[in-house]
Amino acid sequence: MPDHQPQKRLFIILMGLTCLLIVGVIYLLWWVPTKGLANIHPSLPRIAGIVFGSLSLLALFGTLVLMLTTALGKDIFLTRFLRGVVIKFLLPAIELIGRSLGISIDTVRQSFIAMNNSLVLSHRSKVKPDRILILLPHCLQLFECEIKVTGDINKCLRCGRCDINGLAELAQKYSIDISVATGGTLARKVIIEKRPKLVLAVACERDLTSGIKDCYPLPVLGILNDRPFGPCFNTTVDIAKIDESIRMVMA
């Protein structure tokens, strides 16, 4: 089975580059119209400089805090808020910069998922089993299987030919809700109905990134699936990794 080992440092480096570019744009926004502002009022360039300078410092400070939080594995300051800023606003720019540097979007997303997981775990919050939801893609089930477990994983006959068997046993072992979704719409519906405090989601890079964005501020731990036969067909997942993640967050 291929082993995904996304590197958090890649996303941190790209995030740092993005913030430096943002600071550069902020400086240009201040420098270009300086003369025009002075014609309106002599104090305006200074006021604009203070405003833009403060924004630049905030961008650099936020990047530093996220870097330290990720490196130390401990929530330092405003991590939840800063995670939201990255997820909602910086991620598209970071993906664009990654592509411009010849880095595939999947590689950038793998690194983002690793950093997101690190930030979620940095809170060191413990969640009761009945408030954790394991969310799975339907492609984990053997395509040839006639028993469709979407909506009710207990329909699984436990034949062991796909990972649904092991995952269902894992959920039963810890008394955790587990659901199989056919897409983002159904996944959001399940989350609304279950109202978990934490989601442990299995999916590909694209779907995990989208799910983390859609669920914010709900914390999501993302586990990448493996695709030996290509996307969305008889995929697999490291069950031991899911077991470890559960034990790290379960009260």
Protein backbone atom coordinates (compact mmCIF):
# COMPACT_ATOMS: atom_id res chain seq x y z
CA MET A 1 0.00 0.00 0.00
CA PRO A 2 1.43 3.43 -0.87
CA ASP A 3 2.27 5.53 2.17
CA HIS A 4 1.26 9.16 2.08
CA GLN A 5 3.79 11.24 4.01
CA PRO A 6 2.80 14.83 3.32
CA GLN A 7 5.27 17.35 4.66
CA LYS A 8 3.87 20.18 6.75
CA ARG A 9 6.94 22.30 6.07
CA LEU A 10 6.06 22.61 2.37
CA PHE A 11 2.78 24.32 3.17
CA ILE A 12 4.46 26.51 5.80
CA ILE A 13 7.08 27.64 3.26
CA LEU A 14 4.39 28.40 0.67
CA MET A 15 2.34 30.21 3.30
CA GLY A 16 5.37 32.31 4.20
CA LEU A 17 5.93 33.19 0.53
CA THR A 18 2.26 34.09 0.18
CA CYS A 19 2.38 36.39 3.19
CA LEU A 20 5.54 38.07 1.89
CA LEU A 21 3.76 38.71 -1.42
CA ILE A 22 0.77 40.09 0.47
CA VAL A 23 3.09 42.41 2.39
CA GLY A 24 4.63 43.49 -0.93
CA VAL A 25 1.21 44.23 -2.40
CA ILE A 26 0.28 46.16 0.74
CA TYR A 27 3.45 48.22 0.38
CA LEU A 28 2.67 48.99 -3.27
CA LEU A 29 -0.86 49.99 -2.34
CA TRP A 30 0.67 52.48 0.08
CA TRP A 31 3.62 53.64 -2.02
CA VAL A 32 1.92 54.17 -5.40
CA PRO A 33 -0.78 56.63 -4.32
CA THR A 34 1.38 58.43 -1.71
CA LYS A 35 1.74 61.61 -3.73
CA GLY A 36 -1.94 61.72 -4.51
CA LEU A 37 -2.81 61.28 -0.84
CA ALA A 38 -0.43 64.10 0.10
CA ASN A 39 -2.31 66.40 -2.26
CA ILE A 40 -5.53 65.64 -0.41
CA HIS A 41 -4.01 66.06 3.06
CA PRO A 42 -0.37 66.04 4.20
CA SER A 43 -1.11 63.54 7.00
CA LEU A 44 -2.78 60.93 4.78
CA PRO A 45 0.44 59.20 3.60
CA ARG A 46 1.53 58.72 7.21
CA ILE A 47 -1.89 57.41 8.26
CA ALA A 48 -1.97 55.05 5.28
CA GLY A 49 1.55 53.92 6.15
CA ILE A 50 0.50 53.09 9.72
CA VAL A 51 -2.55 51.15 8.49
CA PHE A 52 -0.67 49.18 5.83
CA GLY A 53 2.29 48.65 8.14
CA SER A 54 -0.03 47.20 10.79
CA LEU A 55 -1.60 44.86 8.24
CA SER A 56 1.86 43.69 7.18
CA LEU A 57 2.88 43.01 10.77
CA LEU A 58 -0.34 41.07 11.37
CA ALA A 59 0.30 38.91 8.31
CA LEU A 60 3.86 38.14 9.41
CA PHE A 61 2.82 37.58 13.04
CA GLY A 62 0.06 35.16 12.01
CA THR A 63 2.47 33.17 9.85
CA LEU A 64 5.00 32.97 12.69
CA VAL A 65 2.36 31.78 15.18
CA LEU A 66 1.15 29.06 12.81
CA MET A 67 4.72 27.96 12.15
CA LEU A 68 5.48 27.69 15.87
CA THR A 69 2.19 25.93 16.61
CA THR A 70 2.84 23.38 13.88
CA ALA A 71 6.45 22.85 14.94
CA LEU A 72 5.75 22.56 18.68
CA GLY A 73 2.41 20.77 18.42
CA LYS A 74 0.94 23.11 21.02
CA ASP A 75 -1.71 25.80 20.70
CA ILE A 76 0.06 29.11 21.25
CA PHE A 77 -2.28 31.98 20.45
CA LEU A 78 -5.39 32.49 18.31
CA THR A 79 -4.72 29.26 16.41
CA ARG A 80 -8.39 28.57 15.71
CA PHE A 81 -8.85 32.02 14.20
CA LEU A 82 -5.64 31.84 12.19
CA ARG A 83 -6.57 28.37 10.91
CA GLY A 84 -9.78 29.92 9.61
CA VAL A 85 -7.86 32.70 7.85
CA VAL A 86 -5.67 30.14 6.12
CA ILE A 87 -8.60 27.88 5.18
CA LYS A 88 -10.96 30.59 3.97
CA PHE A 89 -8.63 33.17 2.44
CA LEU A 90 -5.00 32.10 1.98
CA LEU A 91 -5.40 28.56 0.65
CA PRO A 92 -6.38 29.50 -2.95
CA ALA A 93 -3.40 31.88 -3.18
CA ILE A 94 -1.07 29.27 -1.71
CA GLU A 95 -2.25 26.68 -4.24
CA LEU A 96 -1.68 29.20 -7.05
CA ILE A 97 1.85 29.98 -5.88
CA GLY A 98 2.58 26.27 -5.54
CA ARG A 99 1.47 25.64 -9.14
CA SER A 100 3.58 28.57 -10.36
CA LEU A 101 6.60 26.90 -8.72
CA GLY A 102 5.88 23.59 -10.44
CA ILE A 103 4.39 21.89 -7.36
CA SER A 104 1.33 19.78 -8.07
CA ILE A 105 -1.90 20.88 -6.44
CA ASP A 106 -2.29 17.45 -4.82
CA THR A 107 1.12 17.82 -3.16
CA VAL A 108 0.15 21.25 -1.82
CA ARG A 109 -3.15 19.87 -0.54
CA GLN A 110 -1.44 16.92 1.11
CA SER A 111 0.79 19.35 2.96
CA PHE A 112 -2.20 21.53 3.88
CA ILE A 113 -4.06 18.52 5.30
CA ALA A 114 -1.00 17.57 7.37
CA MET A 115 -0.72 21.10 8.75
CA ASN A 116 -4.47 21.26 9.44
CA ASN A 117 -4.26 18.00 11.39
CA SER A 118 -1.33 19.38 13.38
CA LEU A 119 -3.28 22.53 14.25
CA VAL A 120 -6.39 20.55 15.25
CA LEU A 121 -4.32 18.26 17.48
CA SER A 122 -2.46 21.22 18.97
CA HIS A 123 -5.61 22.15 20.91
CA ARG A 124 -5.23 18.84 22.77
CA SER A 125 -8.98 18.73 23.28
CA LYS A 126 -10.51 15.38 24.18
CA VAL A 127 -13.86 14.45 22.66
CA LYS A 128 -16.28 11.83 23.92
CA PRO A 129 -16.79 8.92 21.49
CA ASP A 130 -20.46 9.79 20.89
CA ARG A 131 -19.41 13.24 19.62
CA ILE A 132 -16.89 11.93 17.08
CA LEU A 133 -17.96 11.09 13.52
CA ILE A 134 -15.98 8.93 11.11
CA LEU A 135 -16.89 9.97 7.57
CA LEU A 136 -15.93 7.69 4.69
CA PRO A 137 -16.14 7.90 0.88
CA HIS A 138 -18.24 5.26 -0.87
CA CYS A 139 -15.26 4.26 -3.03
CA LEU A 140 -13.76 2.40 -0.05
CA GLN A 141 -16.40 -0.27 -0.59
CA LEU A 142 -15.64 -2.99 -3.11
CA PHE A 143 -17.23 -1.90 -6.39
CA GLU A 144 -18.57 -5.39 -7.11
CA CYS A 145 -20.31 -5.65 -3.74
CA GLU A 146 -24.08 -5.88 -4.08
CA ILE A 147 -24.72 -4.64 -0.54
CA LYS A 148 -24.49 -0.86 -0.59
CA VAL A 149 -23.60 0.51 2.83
CA THR A 150 -24.25 4.18 2.05
CA GLY A 151 -26.47 5.50 4.82
CA ASP A 152 -26.09 2.40 7.02
CA ILE A 153 -22.70 0.76 7.40
CA ASN A 154 -24.26 -2.00 9.53
CA LYS A 155 -25.47 -3.55 6.28
CA CYS A 156 -21.89 -4.66 5.68
CA LEU A 157 -21.64 -8.47 5.65
CA ARG A 158 -18.09 -8.28 7.06
CA CYS A 159 -16.64 -10.46 4.30
CA GLY A 160 -13.30 -8.68 4.65
CA ARG A 161 -12.78 -8.02 0.94
CA CYS A 162 -12.56 -4.24 1.48
CA ASP A 163 -11.66 -1.87 4.30
CA ILE A 164 -15.29 -1.17 5.21
CA ASN A 165 -15.17 -4.32 7.36
CA GLY A 166 -12.20 -3.13 9.45
CA LEU A 167 -13.55 0.41 9.73
CA ALA A 168 -16.97 -0.81 10.90
CA GLU A 169 -15.27 -2.96 13.53
CA LEU A 170 -13.17 0.03 14.61
CA ALA A 171 -16.25 2.24 15.03
CA GLN A 172 -17.97 -0.53 16.99
CA LYS A 173 -14.90 -1.00 19.20
CA TYR A 174 -14.92 2.67 20.26
CA SER A 175 -18.72 3.24 20.01
CA ILE A 176 -18.24 5.98 17.41
CA ASP A 177 -20.69 7.00 14.69
CA ILE A 178 -19.54 6.05 11.21
CA SER A 179 -21.12 7.04 7.90
CA VAL A 180 -20.43 6.48 4.22
CA ALA A 181 -21.19 9.41 1.92
CA THR A 182 -21.45 9.51 -1.86
CA GLY A 183 -20.42 13.15 -2.12
CA GLY A 184 -20.05 16.52 -0.43
CA THR A 185 -23.78 17.24 -0.25
CA LEU A 186 -24.55 14.00 1.59
CA ALA A 187 -21.50 14.46 3.81
CA ARG A 188 -22.73 17.90 4.89
CA LYS A 189 -26.21 16.45 5.53
CA VAL A 190 -24.74 13.72 7.74
CA ILE A 191 -22.72 16.27 9.72
CA ILE A 192 -25.78 18.46 10.27
CA GLU A 193 -27.80 15.46 11.47
CA LYS A 194 -25.09 13.97 13.70
CA ARG A 195 -23.82 17.30 15.09
CA PRO A 196 -20.36 15.96 16.03
CA LYS A 197 -17.68 17.95 17.85
CA LEU A 198 -14.96 16.43 15.69
CA VAL A 199 -14.94 14.70 12.31
CA LEU A 200 -12.39 12.13 11.23
CA ALA A 201 -12.69 12.08 7.46
CA VAL A 202 -11.19 9.76 4.85
CA ALA A 203 -11.00 10.99 1.26
CA CYS A 204 -8.72 12.13 -1.54
CA GLU A 205 -6.79 15.42 -1.44
CA ARG A 206 -9.47 17.42 -3.26
CA ASP A 207 -12.40 16.18 -1.18
CA LEU A 208 -10.58 16.46 2.13
CA THR A 209 -9.48 20.03 1.40
CA SER A 210 -13.01 20.96 0.36
CA GLY A 211 -14.48 19.24 3.42
CA ILE A 212 -12.11 20.99 5.83
CA LYS A 213 -13.09 24.34 4.30
CA ASP A 214 -16.83 23.59 4.37
CA CYS A 215 -16.78 22.33 7.97
CA TYR A 216 -14.79 25.17 9.54
CA PRO A 217 -14.87 25.97 12.48
CA LEU A 218 -15.75 22.32 13.18
CA PRO A 219 -12.38 20.54 13.55
CA VAL A 220 -11.68 17.89 10.92
CA LEU A 221 -8.84 15.37 10.99
CA GLY A 222 -8.13 14.26 7.43
CA ILE A 223 -6.79 10.83 6.47
CA LEU A 224 -5.82 10.37 2.83
CA ASN A 225 -7.03 7.25 1.09
CA ASP A 226 -4.88 5.19 -1.26
CA ARG A 227 -5.96 4.69 -4.87
CA PRO A 228 -4.25 1.60 -6.30
CA PHE A 229 -6.81 1.39 -9.12
CA GLY A 230 -7.21 5.11 -9.73
CA PRO A 231 -9.55 7.69 -8.20
CA CYS A 232 -12.98 6.75 -6.84
CA PHE A 233 -12.61 3.01 -7.43
CA ASN A 234 -11.80 0.32 -4.85
CA THR A 235 -9.73 2.69 -2.72
CA THR A 236 -8.12 1.68 0.56
CA VAL A 237 -7.03 3.36 3.80
CA ASP A 238 -4.59 2.67 6.60
CA ILE A 239 -6.93 1.51 9.40
CA ALA A 240 -4.10 1.60 11.94
CA LYS A 241 -3.66 5.32 11.21
CA ILE A 242 -7.35 5.93 11.87
CA ASP A 243 -7.15 3.91 15.09
CA GLU A 244 -4.21 6.04 16.22
CA SER A 245 -6.03 9.28 15.37
CA ILE A 246 -9.10 8.19 17.36
CA ARG A 247 -7.02 7.41 20.43
CA MET A 248 -5.34 10.83 20.19
CA VAL A 249 -8.61 12.77 20.39
CA MET A 250 -10.96 10.48 22.31
CA ALA A 251 -11.76 11.31 25.91
